Amino acid sequence: MLCGLKNGILTAFFYSFLTTFLYPFLTAFLYPFLYPFLTTFLYPFLYPFLTAFLYPFLYPLLHALIHVPGFHTRPIF
């Protein structure tokens, strides 16, 4: 039983290390190879859906930035 617990803890640490430290490097190396695929196939199909879902949440902010005088110079807090 302790062996399984130890293996589970080691596995958790391994995956946390993997995702924390190696993920940025993996994506940095893989992105140039994935970029043509993403721009050719994925983005043209996903872009309308992403904008359709995000626009209602962004609209109040965009409206305030454009139409409310001094909105962009006000402090956040």
PDB file of N, CA and C in Angstrom:
ATOM      1  N   MET A   1       0.822  -1.198   0.000  1.00  0.00           N
ATOM      2  CA  MET A   1       0.000   0.000   0.000  1.00  0.00           C
ATOM      3  C   MET A   1       0.865   1.260   0.000  1.00  0.00           C
ATOM      4  N   LEU A   2       1.905   1.258   0.810  1.00  0.00           N
ATOM      5  CA  LEU A   2       2.782   2.429   0.851  1.00  0.00           C
ATOM      6  C   LEU A   2       3.518   2.618  -0.464  1.00  0.00           C
ATOM      7  N   CYS A   3       3.823   1.511  -1.118  1.00  0.00           N
ATOM      8  CA  CYS A   3       4.514   1.603  -2.410  1.00  0.00           C
ATOM      9  C   CYS A   3       3.628   2.318  -3.435  1.00  0.00           C
ATOM     10  N   GLY A   4       2.344   1.982  -3.439  1.00  0.00           N
ATOM     11  CA  GLY A   4       1.424   2.644  -4.354  1.00  0.00           C
ATOM     12  C   GLY A   4       1.273   4.119  -4.039  1.00  0.00           C
ATOM     13  N   LEU A   5       1.214   4.430  -2.755  1.00  0.00           N
ATOM     14  CA  LEU A   5       1.113   5.829  -2.337  1.00  0.00           C
ATOM     15  C   LEU A   5       2.361   6.603  -2.743  1.00  0.00           C
ATOM     16  N   LYS A   6       3.521   5.984  -2.534  1.00  0.00           N
ATOM     17  CA  LYS A   6       4.779   6.633  -2.913  1.00  0.00           C
ATOM     18  C   LYS A   6       4.829   6.855  -4.425  1.00  0.00           C
ATOM     19  N   ASN A   7       4.418   5.851  -5.194  1.00  0.00           N
ATOM     20  CA  ASN A   7       4.415   5.998  -6.648  1.00  0.00           C
ATOM     21  C   ASN A   7       3.446   7.089  -7.092  1.00  0.00           C
ATOM     22  N   GLY A   8       2.311   7.178  -6.421  1.00  0.00           N
ATOM     23  CA  GLY A   8       1.351   8.222  -6.766  1.00  0.00           C
ATOM     24  C   GLY A   8       1.897   9.609  -6.486  1.00  0.00           C
ATOM     25  N   ILE A   9       2.576   9.754  -5.356  1.00  0.00           N
ATOM     26  CA  ILE A   9       3.165  11.055  -5.013  1.00  0.00           C
ATOM     27  C   ILE A   9       4.273  11.411  -5.993  1.00  0.00           C
ATOM     28  N   LEU A  10       5.120  10.437  -6.317  1.00  0.00           N
ATOM     29  CA  LEU A  10       6.191  10.692  -7.282  1.00  0.00           C
ATOM     30  C   LEU A  10       5.621  11.047  -8.648  1.00  0.00           C
ATOM     31  N   THR A  11       4.572  10.357  -9.048  1.00  0.00           N
ATOM     32  CA  THR A  11       3.941  10.661 -10.334  1.00  0.00           C
ATOM     33  C   THR A  11       3.376  12.079 -10.333  1.00  0.00           C
ATOM     34  N   ALA A  12       2.741  12.476  -9.249  1.00  0.00           N
ATOM     35  CA  ALA A  12       2.188  13.830  -9.158  1.00  0.00           C
ATOM     36  C   ALA A  12       3.292  14.879  -9.253  1.00  0.00           C
ATOM     37  N   PHE A  13       4.401  14.652  -8.551  1.00  0.00           N
ATOM     38  CA  PHE A  13       5.521  15.593  -8.630  1.00  0.00           C
ATOM     39  C   PHE A  13       6.107  15.631 -10.035  1.00  0.00           C
ATOM     40  N   PHE A  14       6.206  14.462 -10.664  1.00  0.00           N
ATOM     41  CA  PHE A  14       6.765  14.403 -12.013  1.00  0.00           C
ATOM     42  C   PHE A  14       5.903  15.203 -12.984  1.00  0.00           C
ATOM     43  N   TYR A  15       4.589  14.999 -12.928  1.00  0.00           N
ATOM     44  CA  TYR A  15       3.721  15.710 -13.858  1.00  0.00           C
ATOM     45  C   TYR A  15       3.658  17.203 -13.545  1.00  0.00           C
ATOM     46  N   SER A  16       3.731  17.563 -12.274  1.00  0.00           N
ATOM     47  CA  SER A  16       3.745  18.988 -11.954  1.00  0.00           C
ATOM     48  C   SER A  16       5.034  19.633 -12.461  1.00  0.00           C
ATOM     49  N   PHE A  17       6.162  18.906 -12.334  1.00  0.00           N
ATOM     50  CA  PHE A  17       7.420  19.410 -12.888  1.00  0.00           C
ATOM     51  C   PHE A  17       7.321  19.526 -14.401  1.00  0.00           C
ATOM     52  N   LEU A  18       6.758  18.495 -15.014  1.00  0.00           N
ATOM     53  CA  LEU A  18       6.657  18.461 -16.470  1.00  0.00           C
ATOM     54  C   LEU A  18       5.842  19.639 -16.988  1.00  0.00           C
ATOM     55  N   THR A  19       4.685  19.846 -16.392  1.00  0.00           N
ATOM     56  CA  THR A  19       3.826  20.915 -16.896  1.00  0.00           C
ATOM     57  C   THR A  19       4.358  22.299 -16.540  1.00  0.00           C
ATOM     58  N   THR A  20       5.028  22.423 -15.400  1.00  0.00           N
ATOM     59  CA  THR A  20       5.494  23.744 -14.975  1.00  0.00           C
ATOM     60  C   THR A  20       6.740  24.187 -15.722  1.00  0.00           C
ATOM     61  N   PHE A  21       7.727  23.317 -15.820  1.00  0.00           N
ATOM     62  CA  PHE A  21       9.022  23.728 -16.358  1.00  0.00           C
ATOM     63  C   PHE A  21       9.210  23.389 -17.832  1.00  0.00           C
ATOM     64  N   LEU A  22       8.672  22.267 -18.264  1.00  0.00           N
ATOM     65  CA  LEU A  22       8.931  21.855 -19.638  1.00  0.00           C
ATOM     66  C   LEU A  22       7.914  22.392 -20.631  1.00  0.00           C
ATOM     67  N   TYR A  23       6.711  22.682 -20.179  1.00  0.00           N
ATOM     68  CA  TYR A  23       5.667  23.110 -21.101  1.00  0.00           C
ATOM     69  C   TYR A  23       6.043  24.355 -21.913  1.00  0.00           C
ATOM     70  N   PRO A  24       6.593  25.406 -21.293  1.00  0.00           N
ATOM     71  CA  PRO A  24       6.967  26.573 -22.114  1.00  0.00           C
ATOM     72  C   PRO A  24       8.001  26.246 -23.187  1.00  0.00           C
ATOM     73  N   PHE A  25       8.964  25.385 -22.852  1.00  0.00           N
ATOM     74  CA  PHE A  25       9.980  25.028 -23.835  1.00  0.00           C
ATOM     75  C   PHE A  25       9.388  24.169 -24.947  1.00  0.00           C
ATOM     76  N   LEU A  26       8.533  23.232 -24.566  1.00  0.00           N
ATOM     77  CA  LEU A  26       7.908  22.389 -25.584  1.00  0.00           C
ATOM     78  C   LEU A  26       7.073  23.229 -26.537  1.00  0.00           C
ATOM     79  N   THR A  27       6.297  24.154 -25.994  1.00  0.00           N
ATOM     80  CA  THR A  27       5.472  24.969 -26.874  1.00  0.00           C
ATOM     81  C   THR A  27       6.333  25.903 -27.725  1.00  0.00           C
ATOM     82  N   ALA A  28       7.422  26.407 -27.158  1.00  0.00           N
ATOM     83  CA  ALA A  28       8.294  27.292 -27.934  1.00  0.00           C
ATOM     84  C   ALA A  28       8.928  26.550 -29.106  1.00  0.00           C
ATOM     85  N   PHE A  29       9.278  25.285 -28.900  1.00  0.00           N
ATOM     86  CA  PHE A  29       9.887  24.524 -29.988  1.00  0.00           C
ATOM     87  C   PHE A  29       8.856  24.005 -30.978  1.00  0.00           C
ATOM     88  N   LEU A  30       7.665  23.673 -30.490  1.00  0.00           N
ATOM     89  CA  LEU A  30       6.661  23.083 -31.371  1.00  0.00           C
ATOM     90  C   LEU A  30       5.872  24.126 -32.149  1.00  0.00           C
ATOM     91  N   TYR A  31       5.753  25.330 -31.608  1.00  0.00           N
ATOM     92  CA  TYR A  31       4.878  26.323 -32.226  1.00  0.00           C
ATOM     93  C   TYR A  31       5.252  26.652 -33.677  1.00  0.00           C
ATOM     94  N   PRO A  32       6.542  26.810 -33.999  1.00  0.00           N
ATOM     95  CA  PRO A  32       6.852  27.091 -35.413  1.00  0.00           C
ATOM     96  C   PRO A  32       6.380  26.000 -36.369  1.00  0.00           C
ATOM     97  N   PHE A  33       6.357  24.757 -35.902  1.00  0.00           N
ATOM     98  CA  PHE A  33       5.895  23.674 -36.766  1.00  0.00           C
ATOM     99  C   PHE A  33       4.373  23.609 -36.811  1.00  0.00           C
ATOM    100  N   LEU A  34       3.740  24.007 -35.714  1.00  0.00           N
ATOM    101  CA  LEU A  34       2.280  23.981 -35.665  1.00  0.00           C
ATOM    102  C   LEU A  34       1.653  25.212 -36.312  1.00  0.00           C
ATOM    103  N   TYR A  35       2.409  26.292 -36.420  1.00  0.00           N
ATOM    104  CA  TYR A  35       1.844  27.562 -36.874  1.00  0.00           C
ATOM    105  C   TYR A  35       1.167  27.476 -38.251  1.00  0.00           C
ATOM    106  N   PRO A  36       1.804  26.855 -39.251  1.00  0.00           N
ATOM    107  CA  PRO A  36       1.111  26.768 -40.554  1.00  0.00           C
ATOM    108  C   PRO A  36      -0.202  25.996 -40.470  1.00  0.00           C
ATOM    109  N   PHE A  37      -0.214  24.929 -39.686  1.00  0.00           N
ATOM    110  CA  PHE A  37      -1.454  24.163 -39.532  1.00  0.00           C
ATOM    111  C   PHE A  37      -2.527  25.001 -38.842  1.00  0.00           C
ATOM    112  N   LEU A  38      -2.118  25.713 -37.783  1.00  0.00           N
ATOM    113  CA  LEU A  38      -3.081  26.520 -37.042  1.00  0.00           C
ATOM    114  C   LEU A  38      -3.663  27.623 -37.909  1.00  0.00           C
ATOM    115  N   THR A  39      -2.817  28.319 -38.630  1.00  0.00           N
ATOM    116  CA  THR A  39      -3.301  29.447 -39.424  1.00  0.00           C
ATOM    117  C   THR A  39      -4.107  28.986 -40.628  1.00  0.00           C
ATOM    118  N   THR A  40      -3.784  27.815 -41.163  1.00  0.00           N
ATOM    119  CA  THR A  40      -4.478  27.348 -42.359  1.00  0.00           C
ATOM    120  C   THR A  40      -5.818  26.701 -42.036  1.00  0.00           C
ATOM    121  N   PHE A  41      -5.836  25.857 -41.026  1.00  0.00           N
ATOM    122  CA  PHE A  41      -7.033  25.059 -40.775  1.00  0.00           C
ATOM    123  C   PHE A  41      -7.813  25.488 -39.534  1.00  0.00           C
ATOM    124  N   LEU A  42      -7.096  25.743 -38.452  1.00  0.00           N
ATOM    125  CA  LEU A  42      -7.786  25.906 -37.179  1.00  0.00           C
ATOM    126  C   LEU A  42      -8.356  27.307 -36.990  1.00  0.00           C
ATOM    127  N   TYR A  43      -7.535  28.329 -37.158  1.00  0.00           N
ATOM    128  CA  TYR A  43      -7.976  29.685 -36.867  1.00  0.00           C
ATOM    129  C   TYR A  43      -9.158  30.149 -37.728  1.00  0.00           C
ATOM    130  N   PRO A  44      -9.143  29.884 -39.038  1.00  0.00           N
ATOM    131  CA  PRO A  44     -10.291  30.359 -39.832  1.00  0.00           C
ATOM    132  C   PRO A  44     -11.626  29.782 -39.372  1.00  0.00           C
ATOM    133  N   PHE A  45     -11.610  28.559 -38.848  1.00  0.00           N
ATOM    134  CA  PHE A  45     -12.862  27.959 -38.397  1.00  0.00           C
ATOM    135  C   PHE A  45     -13.217  28.375 -36.974  1.00  0.00           C
ATOM    136  N   LEU A  46     -12.206  28.534 -36.120  1.00  0.00           N
ATOM    137  CA  LEU A  46     -12.475  28.856 -34.719  1.00  0.00           C
ATOM    138  C   LEU A  46     -12.719  30.341 -34.483  1.00  0.00           C
ATOM    139  N   TYR A  47     -12.122  31.194 -35.301  1.00  0.00           N
ATOM    140  CA  TYR A  47     -12.182  32.630 -35.048  1.00  0.00           C
ATOM    141  C   TYR A  47     -13.609  33.171 -34.942  1.00  0.00           C
ATOM    142  N   PRO A  48     -14.512  32.825 -35.871  1.00  0.00           N
ATOM    143  CA  PRO A  48     -15.881  33.352 -35.729  1.00  0.00           C
ATOM    144  C   PRO A  48     -16.573  32.897 -34.447  1.00  0.00           C
ATOM    145  N   PHE A  49     -16.337  31.647 -34.051  1.00  0.00           N
ATOM    146  CA  PHE A  49     -16.979  31.145 -32.836  1.00  0.00           C
ATOM    147  C   PHE A  49     -16.398  31.816 -31.597  1.00  0.00           C
ATOM    148  N   LEU A  50     -15.083  31.990 -31.583  1.00  0.00           N
ATOM    149  CA  LEU A  50     -14.451  32.641 -30.438  1.00  0.00           C
ATOM    150  C   LEU A  50     -14.941  34.074 -30.291  1.00  0.00           C
ATOM    151  N   THR A  51     -14.997  34.789 -31.395  1.00  0.00           N
ATOM    152  CA  THR A  51     -15.446  36.177 -31.309  1.00  0.00           C
ATOM    153  C   THR A  51     -16.922  36.249 -30.944  1.00  0.00           C
ATOM    154  N   ALA A  52     -17.726  35.315 -31.439  1.00  0.00           N
ATOM    155  CA  ALA A  52     -19.152  35.330 -31.117  1.00  0.00           C
ATOM    156  C   ALA A  52     -19.381  35.094 -29.630  1.00  0.00           C
ATOM    157  N   PHE A  53     -18.571  34.238 -29.022  1.00  0.00           N
ATOM    158  CA  PHE A  53     -18.753  33.959 -27.598  1.00  0.00           C
ATOM    159  C   PHE A  53     -18.133  35.048 -26.721  1.00  0.00           C
ATOM    160  N   LEU A  54     -17.035  35.634 -27.163  1.00  0.00           N
ATOM    161  CA  LEU A  54     -16.340  36.605 -26.329  1.00  0.00           C
ATOM    162  C   LEU A  54     -16.899  38.016 -26.464  1.00  0.00           C
ATOM    163  N   TYR A  55     -17.476  38.337 -27.611  1.00  0.00           N
ATOM    164  CA  TYR A  55     -17.891  39.710 -27.867  1.00  0.00           C
ATOM    165  C   TYR A  55     -18.883  40.253 -26.844  1.00  0.00           C
ATOM    166  N   PRO A  56     -19.895  39.470 -26.421  1.00  0.00           N
ATOM    167  CA  PRO A  56     -20.818  40.029 -25.410  1.00  0.00           C
ATOM    168  C   PRO A  56     -20.125  40.431 -24.110  1.00  0.00           C
ATOM    169  N   PHE A  57     -19.046  39.741 -23.765  1.00  0.00           N
ATOM    170  CA  PHE A  57     -18.324  40.092 -22.547  1.00  0.00           C
ATOM    171  C   PHE A  57     -17.394  41.285 -22.776  1.00  0.00           C
ATOM    172  N   LEU A  58     -16.887  41.409 -23.988  1.00  0.00           N
ATOM    173  CA  LEU A  58     -15.974  42.508 -24.289  1.00  0.00           C
ATOM    174  C   LEU A  58     -16.706  43.799 -24.643  1.00  0.00           C
ATOM    175  N   TYR A  59     -17.949  43.691 -25.075  1.00  0.00           N
ATOM    176  CA  TYR A  59     -18.662  44.864 -25.571  1.00  0.00           C
ATOM    177  C   TYR A  59     -18.741  46.006 -24.558  1.00  0.00           C
ATOM    178  N   PRO A  60     -19.113  45.742 -23.281  1.00  0.00           N
ATOM    179  CA  PRO A  60     -19.172  46.876 -22.333  1.00  0.00           C
ATOM    180  C   PRO A  60     -17.829  47.578 -22.164  1.00  0.00           C
ATOM    181  N   LEU A  61     -16.753  46.814 -22.148  1.00  0.00           N
ATOM    182  CA  LEU A  61     -15.431  47.421 -22.019  1.00  0.00           C
ATOM    183  C   LEU A  61     -15.090  48.241 -23.260  1.00  0.00           C
ATOM    184  N   LEU A  62     -15.331  47.677 -24.426  1.00  0.00           N
ATOM    185  CA  LEU A  62     -15.047  48.409 -25.662  1.00  0.00           C
ATOM    186  C   LEU A  62     -15.902  49.670 -25.748  1.00  0.00           C
ATOM    187  N   HIS A  63     -17.168  49.556 -25.393  1.00  0.00           N
ATOM    188  CA  HIS A  63     -18.060  50.709 -25.425  1.00  0.00           C
ATOM    189  C   HIS A  63     -17.549  51.814 -24.501  1.00  0.00           C
ATOM    190  N   ALA A  64     -17.130  51.439 -23.295  1.00  0.00           N
ATOM    191  CA  ALA A  64     -16.635  52.433 -22.345  1.00  0.00           C
ATOM    192  C   ALA A  64     -15.343  53.072 -22.844  1.00  0.00           C
ATOM    193  N   LEU A  65     -14.454  52.255 -23.415  1.00  0.00           N
ATOM    194  CA  LEU A  65     -13.191  52.804 -23.918  1.00  0.00           C
ATOM    195  C   LEU A  65     -13.424  53.819 -25.025  1.00  0.00           C
ATOM    196  N   ILE A  66     -14.427  53.579 -25.845  1.00  0.00           N
ATOM    197  CA  ILE A  66     -14.652  54.448 -26.996  1.00  0.00           C
ATOM    198  C   ILE A  66     -15.508  55.661 -26.625  1.00  0.00           C
ATOM    199  N   HIS A  67     -16.565  55.451 -25.829  1.00  0.00           N
ATOM    200  CA  HIS A  67     -17.571  56.488 -25.659  1.00  0.00           C
ATOM    201  C   HIS A  67     -17.539  57.226 -24.330  1.00  0.00           C
ATOM    202  N   VAL A  68     -16.914  56.668 -23.305  1.00  0.00           N
ATOM    203  CA  VAL A  68     -16.911  57.332 -21.997  1.00  0.00           C
ATOM    204  C   VAL A  68     -15.656  58.179 -21.877  1.00  0.00           C
ATOM    205  N   PRO A  69     -15.794  59.498 -21.770  1.00  0.00           N
ATOM    206  CA  PRO A  69     -14.608  60.357 -21.704  1.00  0.00           C
ATOM    207  C   PRO A  69     -13.758  60.043 -20.472  1.00  0.00           C
ATOM    208  N   GLY A  70     -12.480  59.907 -20.685  1.00  0.00           N
ATOM    209  CA  GLY A  70     -11.557  59.682 -19.593  1.00  0.00           C
ATOM    210  C   GLY A  70     -11.565  58.285 -19.008  1.00  0.00           C
ATOM    211  N   PHE A  71     -12.297  57.367 -19.608  1.00  0.00           N
ATOM    212  CA  PHE A  71     -12.383  56.015 -19.038  1.00  0.00           C
ATOM    213  C   PHE A  71     -11.028  55.325 -19.010  1.00  0.00           C
ATOM    214  N   HIS A  72     -10.259  55.497 -20.075  1.00  0.00           N
ATOM    215  CA  HIS A  72      -8.974  54.797 -20.165  1.00  0.00           C
ATOM    216  C   HIS A  72      -7.910  55.414 -19.264  1.00  0.00           C
ATOM    217  N   THR A  73      -8.177  56.590 -18.686  1.00  0.00           N
ATOM    218  CA  THR A  73      -7.188  57.195 -17.787  1.00  0.00           C
ATOM    219  C   THR A  73      -7.567  57.027 -16.318  1.00  0.00           C
ATOM    220  N   ARG A  74      -8.729  56.440 -16.041  1.00  0.00           N
ATOM    221  CA  ARG A  74      -9.148  56.253 -14.650  1.00  0.00           C
ATOM    222  C   ARG A  74      -8.350  55.123 -14.008  1.00  0.00           C
ATOM    223  N   PRO A  75      -8.077  55.255 -12.701  1.00  0.00           N
ATOM    224  CA  PRO A  75      -7.389  54.145 -12.021  1.00  0.00           C
ATOM    225  C   PRO A  75      -8.304  52.924 -11.912  1.00  0.00           C
ATOM    226  N   ILE A  76      -7.707  51.746 -11.913  1.00  0.00           N
ATOM    227  CA  ILE A  76      -8.495  50.515 -11.843  1.00  0.00           C
ATOM    228  C   ILE A  76      -9.115  50.363 -10.462  1.00  0.00           C
ATOM    229  N   PHE A  77      -8.334  50.683  -9.423  1.00  0.00           N
ATOM    230  CA  PHE A  77      -8.839  50.524  -8.052  1.00  0.00           C
ATOM    231  C   PHE A  77      -9.003  51.879  -7.392  1.00  0.00           C
TER     232      PHE A  77
END
